[in-house]
Amino acid sequence: MNRVLVTGGAGFVGSSLVPTLLEKGYRVEILDKMIHENSYAGLSSYIEGRNMMSHPNFYGLTKGDVRDKNLVSDSVKKNDIIIHLAAIVGAPACKQNPELARSVNVGGTNNILESISGNQMIINASTGSNYGAVDGICTENTPLNPRSVYGETKTQSEKDIMESGGLAYRFATAFGVAPRYRMDLLPNDFTYKLIHDRFVDVFESN
């Protein structure tokens, strides 16, 4: 079975994806900087009665940054498929530190592409933020018009990967429960406030 490298594999999406890959028989390695307070909660899933990290198909966690070219090269070369989730995610976080966002979201992606060979597959976590403001329903052919640093950097990252023969998935906003839970997602934040405060302030009504 193929070996899979998941960058950002301990994050909100990765912490749900990695256990699924392990259950399906893939051999999985994670590259993650582990910068969040609850990052290690993303490795806490149980599969078939055993902790994810002790699963025979789990090939380990490399704690590191996708901006580290040597580290990325070593990790990429050992795997058949790269699922690229690592990023500075969301408009607020990218607006707060745009240079960091560009170096991680674009520079980190390019480090992976420089290390990948023709017989490896790369799948990129893109975003619906690439579309910007849209009337109606988006399709794959809807023109991209990012309105934020987040959207701009993810659009560039997607473009670079697609031009290299990879795949890109433009996710809508992910939400709900995950091993590495996120409170900075609007649906999660609203749900929390409704349960704990019994009311919610709706802002930016447009």
N, C-alpha and C. Protein backbone atom coordinates (compact mmCIF):
# COMPACT_ATOMS: atom_id res chain seq x y z
N MET A 1 0.85 -1.20 0.00
CA MET A 1 0.00 0.00 0.00
C MET A 1 0.88 1.24 0.00
N ASN A 2 0.40 2.31 -0.61
CA ASN A 2 1.18 3.53 -0.75
C ASN A 2 1.49 4.19 0.58
N ARG A 3 2.65 4.86 0.61
CA ARG A 3 3.02 5.70 1.74
C ARG A 3 2.55 7.11 1.45
N VAL A 4 1.97 7.74 2.48
CA VAL A 4 1.39 9.07 2.33
C VAL A 4 2.02 10.02 3.35
N LEU A 5 2.49 11.16 2.87
CA LEU A 5 2.94 12.24 3.74
C LEU A 5 1.82 13.26 3.83
N VAL A 6 1.40 13.59 5.06
CA VAL A 6 0.38 14.62 5.25
C VAL A 6 1.04 15.79 5.96
N THR A 7 1.25 16.88 5.22
CA THR A 7 1.76 18.08 5.88
C THR A 7 0.61 18.74 6.63
N GLY A 8 0.88 19.21 7.83
CA GLY A 8 -0.20 19.74 8.65
C GLY A 8 -1.15 18.66 9.13
N GLY A 9 -0.62 17.44 9.25
CA GLY A 9 -1.47 16.29 9.57
C GLY A 9 -2.02 16.25 10.97
N ALA A 10 -1.52 17.11 11.87
CA ALA A 10 -2.07 17.16 13.23
C ALA A 10 -3.07 18.31 13.38
N GLY A 11 -3.40 18.98 12.28
CA GLY A 11 -4.31 20.12 12.34
C GLY A 11 -5.77 19.71 12.31
N PHE A 12 -6.63 20.70 12.12
CA PHE A 12 -8.08 20.47 12.21
C PHE A 12 -8.55 19.45 11.18
N VAL A 13 -8.19 19.62 9.93
CA VAL A 13 -8.57 18.66 8.89
C VAL A 13 -7.71 17.41 8.97
N GLY A 14 -6.41 17.59 9.14
CA GLY A 14 -5.49 16.45 9.17
C GLY A 14 -5.78 15.46 10.28
N SER A 15 -6.22 15.97 11.44
CA SER A 15 -6.46 15.07 12.57
C SER A 15 -7.66 14.16 12.34
N SER A 16 -8.52 14.49 11.39
CA SER A 16 -9.60 13.60 10.98
C SER A 16 -9.21 12.77 9.76
N LEU A 17 -8.39 13.33 8.89
CA LEU A 17 -7.98 12.63 7.67
C LEU A 17 -7.01 11.49 7.96
N VAL A 18 -6.00 11.73 8.79
CA VAL A 18 -4.96 10.72 9.02
C VAL A 18 -5.54 9.41 9.57
N PRO A 19 -6.41 9.43 10.59
CA PRO A 19 -6.99 8.16 11.05
C PRO A 19 -7.76 7.42 9.96
N THR A 20 -8.44 8.17 9.07
CA THR A 20 -9.16 7.55 7.97
C THR A 20 -8.20 6.86 7.01
N LEU A 21 -7.09 7.50 6.70
CA LEU A 21 -6.08 6.89 5.83
C LEU A 21 -5.52 5.62 6.46
N LEU A 22 -5.23 5.67 7.75
CA LEU A 22 -4.70 4.50 8.44
C LEU A 22 -5.70 3.34 8.41
N GLU A 23 -6.96 3.66 8.63
CA GLU A 23 -8.00 2.63 8.60
C GLU A 23 -8.10 1.97 7.23
N LYS A 24 -7.82 2.74 6.20
CA LYS A 24 -7.91 2.20 4.83
C LYS A 24 -6.63 1.51 4.38
N GLY A 25 -5.65 1.43 5.28
CA GLY A 25 -4.45 0.65 4.99
C GLY A 25 -3.27 1.43 4.47
N TYR A 26 -3.41 2.76 4.34
CA TYR A 26 -2.26 3.55 3.90
C TYR A 26 -1.23 3.66 5.02
N ARG A 27 0.03 3.73 4.62
CA ARG A 27 1.11 3.99 5.58
C ARG A 27 1.33 5.49 5.61
N VAL A 28 1.21 6.09 6.78
CA VAL A 28 1.10 7.55 6.87
C VAL A 28 2.21 8.13 7.74
N GLU A 29 2.77 9.23 7.24
CA GLU A 29 3.73 10.05 7.99
C GLU A 29 3.18 11.46 8.06
N ILE A 30 3.43 12.14 9.17
CA ILE A 30 2.97 13.52 9.35
C ILE A 30 4.17 14.45 9.44
N LEU A 31 4.08 15.57 8.75
CA LEU A 31 5.01 16.68 8.94
C LEU A 31 4.19 17.86 9.44
N ASP A 32 4.47 18.30 10.65
CA ASP A 32 3.66 19.36 11.25
C ASP A 32 4.52 20.15 12.23
N LYS A 33 4.37 21.45 12.22
CA LYS A 33 5.16 22.31 13.11
C LYS A 33 4.67 22.26 14.56
N MET A 34 3.42 21.80 14.76
CA MET A 34 2.84 21.64 16.11
C MET A 34 2.85 22.96 16.88
N ILE A 35 2.34 24.02 16.24
CA ILE A 35 2.42 25.35 16.84
C ILE A 35 1.23 25.69 17.74
N HIS A 36 0.15 24.91 17.65
CA HIS A 36 -1.04 25.26 18.41
C HIS A 36 -1.03 24.61 19.79
N GLU A 37 -1.68 25.26 20.71
CA GLU A 37 -1.70 24.78 22.09
C GLU A 37 -2.24 23.36 22.19
N ASN A 38 -3.20 23.03 21.33
CA ASN A 38 -3.79 21.69 21.37
C ASN A 38 -3.35 20.83 20.20
N SER A 39 -2.14 21.09 19.65
CA SER A 39 -1.67 20.34 18.49
C SER A 39 -1.60 18.83 18.76
N TYR A 40 -1.12 18.46 19.94
CA TYR A 40 -0.94 17.03 20.20
C TYR A 40 -2.27 16.30 20.36
N ALA A 41 -3.34 17.07 20.58
CA ALA A 41 -4.67 16.45 20.59
C ALA A 41 -5.00 15.88 19.21
N GLY A 42 -4.37 16.43 18.19
CA GLY A 42 -4.59 15.94 16.83
C GLY A 42 -4.02 14.57 16.58
N LEU A 43 -3.25 14.06 17.52
CA LEU A 43 -2.66 12.72 17.39
C LEU A 43 -3.31 11.73 18.35
N SER A 44 -4.45 12.11 18.91
CA SER A 44 -5.04 11.33 20.01
C SER A 44 -6.11 10.33 19.57
N SER A 45 -6.37 10.22 18.28
CA SER A 45 -7.42 9.32 17.81
C SER A 45 -7.10 7.87 18.13
N TYR A 46 -8.16 7.08 18.35
CA TYR A 46 -8.01 5.64 18.53
C TYR A 46 -8.57 4.92 17.31
N ILE A 47 -7.81 3.97 16.82
CA ILE A 47 -8.19 3.19 15.64
C ILE A 47 -8.11 1.72 16.01
N GLU A 48 -9.23 1.04 15.86
CA GLU A 48 -9.27 -0.39 16.17
C GLU A 48 -8.72 -0.67 17.57
N GLY A 49 -9.08 0.22 18.51
CA GLY A 49 -8.72 0.01 19.91
C GLY A 49 -7.32 0.43 20.29
N ARG A 50 -6.57 1.01 19.38
CA ARG A 50 -5.21 1.44 19.71
C ARG A 50 -5.01 2.90 19.32
N ASN A 51 -4.14 3.57 20.08
CA ASN A 51 -3.82 4.95 19.78
C ASN A 51 -3.21 5.06 18.39
N MET A 52 -3.57 6.11 17.69
CA MET A 52 -3.12 6.31 16.33
C MET A 52 -1.60 6.19 16.20
N MET A 53 -0.87 6.74 17.15
CA MET A 53 0.59 6.77 17.04
C MET A 53 1.23 5.40 17.21
N SER A 54 0.48 4.45 17.76
CA SER A 54 1.01 3.09 17.88
C SER A 54 0.48 2.16 16.79
N HIS A 55 -0.26 2.72 15.85
CA HIS A 55 -0.80 1.92 14.75
C HIS A 55 0.35 1.45 13.86
N PRO A 56 0.33 0.19 13.40
CA PRO A 56 1.46 -0.32 12.60
C PRO A 56 1.67 0.43 11.28
N ASN A 57 0.63 1.10 10.77
CA ASN A 57 0.78 1.85 9.52
C ASN A 57 1.17 3.31 9.74
N PHE A 58 1.30 3.72 11.01
CA PHE A 58 1.71 5.10 11.28
C PHE A 58 3.23 5.16 11.32
N TYR A 59 3.80 5.88 10.38
CA TYR A 59 5.25 5.92 10.19
C TYR A 59 5.92 7.09 10.89
N GLY A 60 5.17 7.80 11.71
CA GLY A 60 5.80 8.79 12.57
C GLY A 60 5.45 10.23 12.28
N LEU A 61 5.77 11.05 13.27
CA LEU A 61 5.59 12.49 13.21
C LEU A 61 6.95 13.15 13.08
N THR A 62 7.10 13.98 12.07
CA THR A 62 8.27 14.84 11.97
C THR A 62 7.83 16.24 12.36
N LYS A 63 8.37 16.73 13.46
CA LYS A 63 8.01 18.07 13.92
C LYS A 63 8.90 19.07 13.19
N GLY A 64 8.29 19.83 12.31
CA GLY A 64 9.08 20.77 11.52
C GLY A 64 8.23 21.64 10.63
N ASP A 65 8.89 22.51 9.91
CA ASP A 65 8.28 23.60 9.16
C ASP A 65 8.41 23.33 7.66
N VAL A 66 7.33 23.55 6.91
CA VAL A 66 7.38 23.34 5.46
C VAL A 66 8.30 24.35 4.77
N ARG A 67 8.75 25.35 5.49
CA ARG A 67 9.71 26.30 4.92
C ARG A 67 11.15 25.80 5.02
N ASP A 68 11.35 24.69 5.72
CA ASP A 68 12.68 24.09 5.87
C ASP A 68 12.92 23.16 4.67
N LYS A 69 13.70 23.63 3.69
CA LYS A 69 13.87 22.89 2.44
C LYS A 69 14.45 21.51 2.64
N ASN A 70 15.46 21.38 3.48
CA ASN A 70 16.10 20.08 3.67
C ASN A 70 15.16 19.09 4.35
N LEU A 71 14.44 19.57 5.35
CA LEU A 71 13.49 18.71 6.06
C LEU A 71 12.37 18.26 5.12
N VAL A 72 11.84 19.19 4.35
CA VAL A 72 10.78 18.86 3.40
C VAL A 72 11.27 17.85 2.38
N SER A 73 12.46 18.06 1.85
CA SER A 73 13.02 17.15 0.85
C SER A 73 13.14 15.73 1.40
N ASP A 74 13.65 15.60 2.61
CA ASP A 74 13.81 14.27 3.23
C ASP A 74 12.46 13.59 3.41
N SER A 75 11.45 14.35 3.85
CA SER A 75 10.13 13.76 4.10
C SER A 75 9.43 13.39 2.80
N VAL A 76 9.51 14.26 1.80
CA VAL A 76 8.81 14.02 0.53
C VAL A 76 9.36 12.79 -0.17
N LYS A 77 10.67 12.63 -0.18
CA LYS A 77 11.29 11.55 -0.95
C LYS A 77 10.90 10.16 -0.45
N LYS A 78 10.47 10.04 0.79
CA LYS A 78 10.13 8.73 1.36
C LYS A 78 8.72 8.29 1.05
N ASN A 79 7.93 9.14 0.41
CA ASN A 79 6.50 8.87 0.26
C ASN A 79 6.05 8.89 -1.19
N ASP A 80 4.92 8.20 -1.44
CA ASP A 80 4.36 8.11 -2.78
C ASP A 80 3.35 9.22 -3.07
N ILE A 81 2.64 9.62 -2.02
CA ILE A 81 1.58 10.63 -2.15
C ILE A 81 1.82 11.69 -1.10
N ILE A 82 1.70 12.94 -1.49
CA ILE A 82 1.80 14.05 -0.54
C ILE A 82 0.46 14.75 -0.50
N ILE A 83 -0.15 14.82 0.67
CA ILE A 83 -1.37 15.58 0.88
C ILE A 83 -0.97 16.83 1.65
N HIS A 84 -1.07 17.96 0.99
CA HIS A 84 -0.50 19.21 1.52
C HIS A 84 -1.58 20.04 2.20
N LEU A 85 -1.63 19.96 3.53
CA LEU A 85 -2.58 20.72 4.32
C LEU A 85 -1.92 21.89 5.07
N ALA A 86 -0.60 21.83 5.25
CA ALA A 86 0.08 22.83 6.07
C ALA A 86 -0.08 24.22 5.48
N ALA A 87 -0.53 25.16 6.31
CA ALA A 87 -0.74 26.54 5.84
C ALA A 87 -1.06 27.43 7.03
N ILE A 88 -0.88 28.72 6.82
CA ILE A 88 -1.49 29.70 7.71
C ILE A 88 -2.91 29.87 7.19
N VAL A 89 -3.88 29.48 8.00
CA VAL A 89 -5.26 29.32 7.50
C VAL A 89 -6.15 30.46 7.99
N GLY A 90 -6.93 30.98 7.07
CA GLY A 90 -7.96 31.96 7.42
C GLY A 90 -7.51 33.39 7.19
N ALA A 91 -8.47 34.23 6.82
CA ALA A 91 -8.17 35.63 6.53
C ALA A 91 -7.60 36.39 7.73
N PRO A 92 -8.15 36.22 8.94
CA PRO A 92 -7.60 36.99 10.07
C PRO A 92 -6.13 36.66 10.38
N ALA A 93 -5.80 35.37 10.38
CA ALA A 93 -4.42 34.98 10.70
C ALA A 93 -3.44 35.48 9.64
N CYS A 94 -3.85 35.44 8.37
CA CYS A 94 -2.97 35.89 7.29
C CYS A 94 -2.85 37.41 7.27
N LYS A 95 -3.93 38.11 7.61
CA LYS A 95 -3.89 39.56 7.66
C LYS A 95 -2.97 40.03 8.80
N GLN A 96 -2.96 39.29 9.88
CA GLN A 96 -2.13 39.66 11.04
C GLN A 96 -0.64 39.57 10.71
N ASN A 97 -0.27 38.59 9.88
CA ASN A 97 1.14 38.43 9.53
C ASN A 97 1.25 38.01 8.06
N PRO A 98 1.10 38.96 7.15
CA PRO A 98 1.07 38.62 5.71
C PRO A 98 2.37 38.01 5.20
N GLU A 99 3.51 38.44 5.71
CA GLU A 99 4.77 37.88 5.23
C GLU A 99 4.91 36.42 5.64
N LEU A 100 4.49 36.11 6.86
CA LEU A 100 4.49 34.71 7.31
C LEU A 100 3.57 33.89 6.43
N ALA A 101 2.39 34.44 6.14
CA ALA A 101 1.42 33.73 5.30
C ALA A 101 2.01 33.41 3.93
N ARG A 102 2.68 34.38 3.34
CA ARG A 102 3.27 34.16 2.01
C ARG A 102 4.41 33.13 2.07
N SER A 103 5.23 33.22 3.10
CA SER A 103 6.37 32.31 3.18
C SER A 103 5.94 30.87 3.43
N VAL A 104 4.86 30.69 4.19
CA VAL A 104 4.36 29.34 4.47
C VAL A 104 3.48 28.84 3.32
N ASN A 105 2.49 29.63 2.94
CA ASN A 105 1.49 29.16 1.99
C ASN A 105 2.03 29.03 0.57
N VAL A 106 2.92 29.93 0.18
CA VAL A 106 3.50 29.87 -1.16
C VAL A 106 4.90 29.24 -1.10
N GLY A 107 5.75 29.76 -0.23
CA GLY A 107 7.12 29.24 -0.14
C GLY A 107 7.17 27.79 0.28
N GLY A 108 6.36 27.41 1.27
CA GLY A 108 6.33 26.02 1.72
C GLY A 108 5.85 25.08 0.63
N THR A 109 4.85 25.52 -0.12
CA THR A 109 4.36 24.72 -1.25
C THR A 109 5.45 24.52 -2.28
N ASN A 110 6.17 25.58 -2.59
CA ASN A 110 7.24 25.47 -3.59
C ASN A 110 8.37 24.56 -3.12
N ASN A 111 8.63 24.54 -1.82
CA ASN A 111 9.63 23.59 -1.30
C ASN A 111 9.22 22.15 -1.59
N ILE A 112 7.94 21.86 -1.43
CA ILE A 112 7.44 20.51 -1.73
C ILE A 112 7.58 20.21 -3.21
N LEU A 113 7.19 21.17 -4.04
CA LEU A 113 7.25 20.95 -5.49
C LEU A 113 8.68 20.77 -5.99
N GLU A 114 9.62 21.44 -5.35
CA GLU A 114 11.03 21.28 -5.74
C GLU A 114 11.57 19.90 -5.36
N SER A 115 10.92 19.24 -4.40
CA SER A 115 11.40 17.95 -3.91
C SER A 115 10.69 16.76 -4.54
N ILE A 116 9.59 17.03 -5.23
CA ILE A 116 8.75 15.94 -5.71
C ILE A 116 9.25 15.43 -7.06
N SER A 117 9.03 14.16 -7.32
CA SER A 117 9.44 13.57 -8.60
C SER A 117 8.21 13.25 -9.44
N GLY A 118 8.44 12.85 -10.68
CA GLY A 118 7.34 12.63 -11.61
C GLY A 118 6.43 11.47 -11.25
N ASN A 119 6.90 10.53 -10.44
CA ASN A 119 6.06 9.38 -10.09
C ASN A 119 5.35 9.55 -8.76
N GLN A 120 5.39 10.74 -8.19
CA GLN A 120 4.68 11.02 -6.95
C GLN A 120 3.45 11.88 -7.23
N MET A 121 2.43 11.70 -6.39
CA MET A 121 1.20 12.49 -6.52
C MET A 121 1.15 13.52 -5.41
N ILE A 122 0.70 14.73 -5.72
CA ILE A 122 0.47 15.74 -4.70
C ILE A 122 -0.97 16.22 -4.78
N ILE A 123 -1.60 16.29 -3.62
CA ILE A 123 -2.98 16.77 -3.48
C ILE A 123 -2.93 17.97 -2.54
N ASN A 124 -3.46 19.08 -3.00
CA ASN A 124 -3.35 20.34 -2.26
C ASN A 124 -4.69 20.74 -1.65
N ALA A 125 -4.66 21.14 -0.39
CA ALA A 125 -5.84 21.71 0.24
C ALA A 125 -5.92 23.18 -0.12
N SER A 126 -6.79 23.49 -1.08
CA SER A 126 -7.01 24.88 -1.47
C SER A 126 -8.22 25.40 -0.68
N THR A 127 -8.87 26.43 -1.17
CA THR A 127 -9.95 27.03 -0.39
C THR A 127 -10.95 27.76 -1.28
N GLY A 128 -12.18 27.81 -0.83
CA GLY A 128 -13.19 28.60 -1.51
C GLY A 128 -12.92 30.09 -1.45
N SER A 129 -11.99 30.52 -0.56
CA SER A 129 -11.63 31.93 -0.48
C SER A 129 -10.95 32.42 -1.75
N ASN A 130 -10.51 31.48 -2.60
CA ASN A 130 -9.91 31.88 -3.88
C ASN A 130 -10.92 32.58 -4.78
N TYR A 131 -12.22 32.33 -4.59
CA TYR A 131 -13.24 32.90 -5.46
C TYR A 131 -13.53 34.37 -5.13
N GLY A 132 -13.31 34.76 -3.88
CA GLY A 132 -13.71 36.10 -3.48
C GLY A 132 -15.22 36.21 -3.40
N ALA A 133 -15.76 37.40 -3.68
CA ALA A 133 -17.21 37.61 -3.66
C ALA A 133 -17.82 37.08 -4.95
N VAL A 134 -18.82 36.22 -4.81
CA VAL A 134 -19.43 35.57 -5.97
C VAL A 134 -20.94 35.64 -5.84
N ASP A 135 -21.62 35.95 -6.93
CA ASP A 135 -23.08 35.85 -6.99
C ASP A 135 -23.43 34.47 -7.53
N GLY A 136 -24.29 33.76 -6.83
CA GLY A 136 -24.70 32.44 -7.28
C GLY A 136 -23.80 31.35 -6.75
N ILE A 137 -23.75 30.24 -7.48
CA ILE A 137 -23.03 29.05 -7.03
C ILE A 137 -21.71 28.93 -7.78
N CYS A 138 -20.63 28.67 -7.03
CA CYS A 138 -19.32 28.50 -7.66
C CYS A 138 -19.21 27.15 -8.35
N THR A 139 -18.47 27.12 -9.44
CA THR A 139 -18.07 25.87 -10.07
C THR A 139 -16.56 25.91 -10.26
N GLU A 140 -16.00 24.83 -10.79
CA GLU A 140 -14.56 24.82 -11.02
C GLU A 140 -14.16 25.88 -12.05
N ASN A 141 -15.10 26.32 -12.86
CA ASN A 141 -14.79 27.30 -13.91
C ASN A 141 -15.07 28.74 -13.50
N THR A 142 -15.56 28.94 -12.29
CA THR A 142 -15.79 30.30 -11.81
C THR A 142 -14.46 31.03 -11.69
N PRO A 143 -14.33 32.24 -12.25
CA PRO A 143 -13.06 32.97 -12.17
C PRO A 143 -12.64 33.18 -10.71
N LEU A 144 -11.33 33.10 -10.48
CA LEU A 144 -10.79 33.32 -9.14
C LEU A 144 -10.55 34.81 -8.95
N ASN A 145 -10.98 35.32 -7.80
CA ASN A 145 -10.85 36.75 -7.51
C ASN A 145 -10.64 36.93 -6.01
N PRO A 146 -9.50 36.46 -5.49
CA PRO A 146 -9.28 36.50 -4.04
C PRO A 146 -9.27 37.93 -3.51
N ARG A 147 -9.85 38.11 -2.32
CA ARG A 147 -9.98 39.44 -1.73
C ARG A 147 -9.16 39.59 -0.45
N SER A 148 -8.35 38.60 -0.12
CA SER A 148 -7.59 38.64 1.13
C SER A 148 -6.20 38.06 0.89
N VAL A 149 -5.29 38.31 1.83
CA VAL A 149 -3.96 37.71 1.75
C VAL A 149 -4.09 36.19 1.76
N TYR A 150 -5.00 35.68 2.57
CA TYR A 150 -5.22 34.23 2.61
C TYR A 150 -5.61 33.72 1.23
N GLY A 151 -6.62 34.34 0.63
CA GLY A 151 -7.07 33.91 -0.70
C GLY A 151 -5.98 34.06 -1.75
N GLU A 152 -5.23 35.15 -1.69
CA GLU A 152 -4.16 35.38 -2.67
C GLU A 152 -3.07 34.32 -2.57
N THR A 153 -2.65 34.01 -1.34
CA THR A 153 -1.56 33.04 -1.17
C THR A 153 -2.03 31.63 -1.52
N LYS A 154 -3.27 31.30 -1.20
CA LYS A 154 -3.78 29.97 -1.52
C LYS A 154 -4.05 29.84 -3.03
N THR A 155 -4.44 30.92 -3.67
CA THR A 155 -4.61 30.90 -5.12
C THR A 155 -3.27 30.65 -5.81
N GLN A 156 -2.23 31.32 -5.35
CA GLN A 156 -0.90 31.11 -5.93
C GLN A 156 -0.40 29.70 -5.67
N SER A 157 -0.61 29.21 -4.46
CA SER A 157 -0.20 27.84 -4.10
C SER A 157 -0.91 26.83 -4.99
N GLU A 158 -2.23 27.02 -5.17
CA GLU A 158 -3.01 26.12 -6.02
C GLU A 158 -2.49 26.15 -7.46
N LYS A 159 -2.23 27.36 -7.97
CA LYS A 159 -1.74 27.51 -9.34
C LYS A 159 -0.42 26.77 -9.53
N ASP A 160 0.49 26.92 -8.58
CA ASP A 160 1.80 26.27 -8.68
C ASP A 160 1.66 24.76 -8.70
N ILE A 161 0.77 24.24 -7.87
CA ILE A 161 0.59 22.78 -7.79
C ILE A 161 -0.10 22.25 -9.03
N MET A 162 -1.12 22.95 -9.52
CA MET A 162 -1.82 22.51 -10.72
C MET A 162 -0.88 22.51 -11.93
N GLU A 163 -0.03 23.52 -12.02
CA GLU A 163 0.91 23.58 -13.14
C GLU A 163 1.96 22.48 -13.07
N SER A 164 2.13 21.90 -11.89
CA SER A 164 3.08 20.80 -11.71
C SER A 164 2.41 19.43 -11.85
N GLY A 165 1.13 19.43 -12.22
CA GLY A 165 0.42 18.17 -12.43
C GLY A 165 -0.30 17.64 -11.21
N GLY A 166 -0.38 18.44 -10.14
CA GLY A 166 -1.06 18.00 -8.93
C GLY A 166 -2.55 18.29 -8.96
N LEU A 167 -3.21 17.92 -7.87
CA LEU A 167 -4.65 18.14 -7.72
C LEU A 167 -4.88 19.17 -6.62
N ALA A 168 -5.94 19.96 -6.77
CA ALA A 168 -6.30 20.94 -5.75
C ALA A 168 -7.78 20.81 -5.42
N TYR A 169 -8.09 20.78 -4.13
CA TYR A 169 -9.47 20.76 -3.67
C TYR A 169 -9.77 22.10 -3.01
N ARG A 170 -10.78 22.80 -3.54
CA ARG A 170 -11.19 24.07 -2.95
C ARG A 170 -12.27 23.80 -1.92
N PHE A 171 -11.85 23.66 -0.68
CA PHE A 171 -12.78 23.37 0.41
C PHE A 171 -13.67 24.58 0.70
N ALA A 172 -14.91 24.32 1.03
CA ALA A 172 -15.71 25.32 1.73
C ALA A 172 -15.22 25.32 3.19
N THR A 173 -15.76 26.19 4.02
CA THR A 173 -15.31 26.26 5.40
C THR A 173 -15.60 24.93 6.10
N ALA A 174 -14.54 24.30 6.58
CA ALA A 174 -14.71 23.08 7.37
C ALA A 174 -15.17 23.48 8.77
N PHE A 175 -15.98 22.63 9.39
CA PHE A 175 -16.43 22.94 10.76
C PHE A 175 -16.85 21.66 11.44
N GLY A 176 -17.08 21.74 12.74
CA GLY A 176 -17.53 20.58 13.50
C GLY A 176 -16.44 20.08 14.43
N VAL A 177 -16.66 18.88 14.93
CA VAL A 177 -15.76 18.28 15.92
C VAL A 177 -14.59 17.61 15.22
N ALA A 178 -13.42 17.75 15.80
CA ALA A 178 -12.22 17.08 15.30
C ALA A 178 -11.28 16.90 16.48
N PRO A 179 -10.36 15.93 16.40
CA PRO A 179 -9.41 15.75 17.50
C PRO A 179 -8.64 17.04 17.84
N ARG A 180 -8.19 17.77 16.79
CA ARG A 180 -7.56 19.07 17.04
C ARG A 180 -8.60 20.13 16.72
N TYR A 181 -9.38 20.50 17.75
CA TYR A 181 -10.56 21.34 17.59
C TYR A 181 -10.14 22.79 17.33
N ARG A 182 -10.93 23.49 16.53
CA ARG A 182 -10.69 24.91 16.25
C ARG A 182 -11.90 25.73 16.66
N MET A 183 -11.63 26.76 17.48
CA MET A 183 -12.69 27.68 17.87
C MET A 183 -12.76 28.90 16.97
N ASP A 184 -11.77 29.08 16.08
CA ASP A 184 -11.75 30.28 15.24
C ASP A 184 -12.54 30.10 13.95
N LEU A 185 -13.31 29.02 13.86
CA LEU A 185 -14.20 28.80 12.72
C LEU A 185 -15.58 29.34 13.08
N LEU A 186 -16.17 30.12 12.19
CA LEU A 186 -17.41 30.81 12.52
C LEU A 186 -18.53 29.87 12.99
N PRO A 187 -18.80 28.75 12.30
CA PRO A 187 -19.86 27.86 12.79
C PRO A 187 -19.55 27.28 14.17
N ASN A 188 -18.28 26.94 14.43
CA ASN A 188 -17.90 26.42 15.74
C ASN A 188 -18.04 27.49 16.81
N ASP A 189 -17.62 28.71 16.48
CA ASP A 189 -17.70 29.81 17.43
C ASP A 189 -19.15 30.13 17.77
N PHE A 190 -20.01 30.19 16.75
CA PHE A 190 -21.43 30.47 16.99
C PHE A 190 -22.06 29.38 17.85
N THR A 191 -21.73 28.12 17.53
CA THR A 191 -22.30 27.00 18.30
C THR A 191 -21.87 27.08 19.76
N TYR A 192 -20.59 27.35 19.99
CA TYR A 192 -20.08 27.46 21.36
C TYR A 192 -20.82 28.56 22.12
N LYS A 193 -20.98 29.73 21.48
CA LYS A 193 -21.62 30.86 22.16
C LYS A 193 -23.09 30.57 22.43
N LEU A 194 -23.75 29.89 21.50
CA LEU A 194 -25.16 29.57 21.72
C LEU A 194 -25.34 28.61 22.89
N ILE A 195 -24.42 27.65 23.01
CA ILE A 195 -24.52 26.67 24.09
C ILE A 195 -24.15 27.29 25.44
N HIS A 196 -23.07 28.07 25.47
CA HIS A 196 -22.54 28.56 26.74
C HIS A 196 -23.12 29.91 27.15
N ASP A 197 -23.39 30.79 26.18
CA ASP A 197 -23.91 32.13 26.51
C ASP A 197 -25.41 32.24 26.27
N ARG A 198 -25.95 31.32 25.50
CA ARG A 198 -27.38 31.26 25.15
C ARG A 198 -27.80 32.39 24.21
N PHE A 199 -26.84 33.11 23.63
CA PHE A 199 -27.13 34.10 22.60
C PHE A 199 -25.88 34.27 21.75
N VAL A 200 -26.06 34.88 20.58
CA VAL A 200 -24.91 35.14 19.71
C VAL A 200 -25.10 36.48 19.02
N ASP A 201 -24.04 37.24 18.96
CA ASP A 201 -24.05 38.51 18.20
C ASP A 201 -23.66 38.20 16.76
N VAL A 202 -24.56 38.53 15.84
CA VAL A 202 -24.28 38.34 14.41
C VAL A 202 -23.76 39.68 13.87
N PHE A 203 -22.55 39.63 13.30
CA PHE A 203 -21.92 40.85 12.82
C PHE A 203 -21.63 40.73 11.33
N GLU A 204 -21.32 41.85 10.69
CA GLU A 204 -21.09 41.89 9.25
C GLU A 204 -22.22 41.16 8.50
N SER A 205 -23.43 41.70 8.65
CA SER A 205 -24.62 41.01 8.15
C SER A 205 -24.61 40.78 6.65
N ASN A 206 -23.79 41.54 5.91
CA ASN A 206 -23.75 41.35 4.47
C ASN A 206 -22.88 40.17 4.09
